Amino acid sequence: MDAQTQIELEAAAFRRLQRHLMEDRTDVQNIDMMNLAGFCRNCLSRWYQEAAVERGIEMSKDEGREAFYGMTMDDWKANFQTDATAAQGAAFEKSFEENVTSKHR
């Protein structure tokens, strides 16, 4: 497989993952994804934003989220996010430390 085809397939897989999370499974909460997999929609939007910045494209964290979510974070929260339980919050603190904070030190 040539490099361009690989890039196109990877991009298609990313778009399908994005569509799955944003259209097919809006019921799955970010906190549960983070607690189980160590990443969530916010991570994916941050990686998108970081990739843009690495290529010299100015993009804020909020702009990256809006690009990934297809809406503002406030709109996502109002339409799809539920309140976290105390247990989810405690698990999130641990997961965030292991998967986000420790990787950015």
Protein backbone atom coordinates (compact mmCIF):
# COMPACT_ATOMS: atom_id res chain seq x y z
CA MET A 1 0.00 0.00 0.00
CA ASP A 2 1.34 3.43 -0.86
CA ALA A 3 1.64 6.19 1.76
CA GLN A 4 -1.20 8.33 0.36
CA THR A 5 -3.63 5.42 0.41
CA GLN A 6 -2.64 4.64 4.00
CA ILE A 7 -3.28 8.27 5.00
CA GLU A 8 -6.67 8.20 3.28
CA LEU A 9 -7.67 4.96 5.01
CA GLU A 10 -6.54 6.27 8.40
CA ALA A 11 -8.51 9.49 7.81
CA ALA A 12 -11.59 7.48 6.82
CA ALA A 13 -11.29 5.35 9.97
CA PHE A 14 -10.97 8.51 12.09
CA ARG A 15 -14.05 10.05 10.45
CA ARG A 16 -16.01 6.84 11.10
CA LEU A 17 -14.93 6.82 14.76
CA GLN A 18 -15.96 10.45 15.04
CA ARG A 19 -19.37 9.76 13.45
CA HIS A 20 -19.86 6.73 15.70
CA LEU A 21 -19.20 8.79 18.83
CA MET A 22 -21.08 11.89 17.69
CA GLU A 23 -24.12 10.31 16.01
CA ASP A 24 -24.46 6.62 16.80
CA ARG A 25 -23.48 6.57 20.50
CA THR A 26 -24.27 9.95 21.99
CA ASP A 27 -25.51 7.98 25.01
CA VAL A 28 -21.95 6.95 25.91
CA GLN A 29 -20.61 9.52 28.33
CA ASN A 30 -17.11 10.97 28.04
CA ILE A 31 -16.42 10.17 31.69
CA ASP A 32 -17.19 6.48 31.08
CA MET A 33 -14.94 6.42 28.00
CA MET A 34 -12.14 8.04 29.96
CA ASN A 35 -12.56 5.67 32.88
CA LEU A 36 -12.62 2.56 30.69
CA ALA A 37 -10.36 3.44 27.75
CA GLY A 38 -8.20 6.30 28.97
CA PHE A 39 -9.47 8.70 26.28
CA CYS A 40 -12.72 10.41 25.33
CA ARG A 41 -14.19 12.81 22.80
CA ASN A 42 -12.36 15.69 24.49
CA CYS A 43 -9.05 13.86 24.05
CA LEU A 44 -9.79 13.30 20.37
CA SER A 45 -10.65 16.97 19.92
CA ARG A 46 -7.45 17.97 21.74
CA TRP A 47 -5.37 15.67 19.52
CA TYR A 48 -7.04 17.27 16.49
CA GLN A 49 -6.22 20.75 17.80
CA GLU A 50 -2.64 19.77 18.64
CA ALA A 51 -2.15 18.34 15.13
CA ALA A 52 -3.38 21.62 13.64
CA VAL A 53 -1.03 23.68 15.80
CA GLU A 54 1.91 21.39 14.90
CA ARG A 55 1.19 22.25 11.26
CA GLY A 56 1.14 25.98 11.91
CA ILE A 57 -2.66 26.30 11.96
CA GLU A 58 -3.88 28.49 14.81
CA MET A 59 -6.62 26.63 16.66
CA SER A 60 -7.76 27.08 20.23
CA LYS A 61 -8.92 24.27 22.47
CA ASP A 62 -12.51 25.42 22.01
CA GLU A 63 -12.11 25.59 18.22
CA GLY A 64 -10.71 22.05 18.23
CA ARG A 65 -13.65 20.84 20.27
CA GLU A 66 -16.13 22.53 17.96
CA ALA A 67 -14.39 21.04 14.91
CA PHE A 68 -14.58 17.54 16.41
CA TYR A 69 -18.01 17.79 18.06
CA GLY A 70 -19.63 19.71 15.21
CA MET A 71 -21.11 22.03 17.84
CA THR A 72 -19.99 24.03 20.83
CA MET A 73 -19.12 22.22 24.02
CA ASP A 74 -22.04 23.98 25.73
CA ASP A 75 -24.43 22.61 23.10
CA TRP A 76 -23.01 19.08 23.52
CA LYS A 77 -23.38 19.23 27.28
CA ALA A 78 -26.94 20.57 27.08
CA ASN A 79 -28.02 17.89 24.60
CA PHE A 80 -26.08 14.78 25.63
CA GLN A 81 -24.07 15.01 28.85
CA THR A 82 -25.48 13.67 32.09
CA ASP A 83 -24.31 14.38 35.62
CA ALA A 84 -21.52 12.13 36.84
CA THR A 85 -21.91 10.01 39.92
CA ALA A 86 -19.44 10.26 42.80
CA ALA A 87 -17.95 6.90 41.76
CA GLN A 88 -17.51 8.05 38.16
CA GLY A 89 -15.84 11.24 39.37
CA ALA A 90 -13.41 9.35 41.59
CA ALA A 91 -12.51 6.94 38.80
CA PHE A 92 -12.09 9.88 36.42
CA GLU A 93 -9.58 11.60 38.70
CA LYS A 94 -7.41 8.48 38.63
CA SER A 95 -7.82 7.94 34.89
CA PHE A 96 -7.10 11.59 34.08
CA GLU A 97 -3.91 11.49 36.14
CA GLU A 98 -2.74 8.27 34.48
CA ASN A 99 -3.74 9.11 30.90
CA VAL A 100 -3.55 12.87 30.55
CA THR A 101 -1.67 14.67 33.31
CA SER A 102 1.27 12.28 33.53
CA LYS A 103 1.75 12.34 29.74
CA HIS A 104 1.99 16.15 29.62
CA ARG A 105 4.65 16.60 32.28
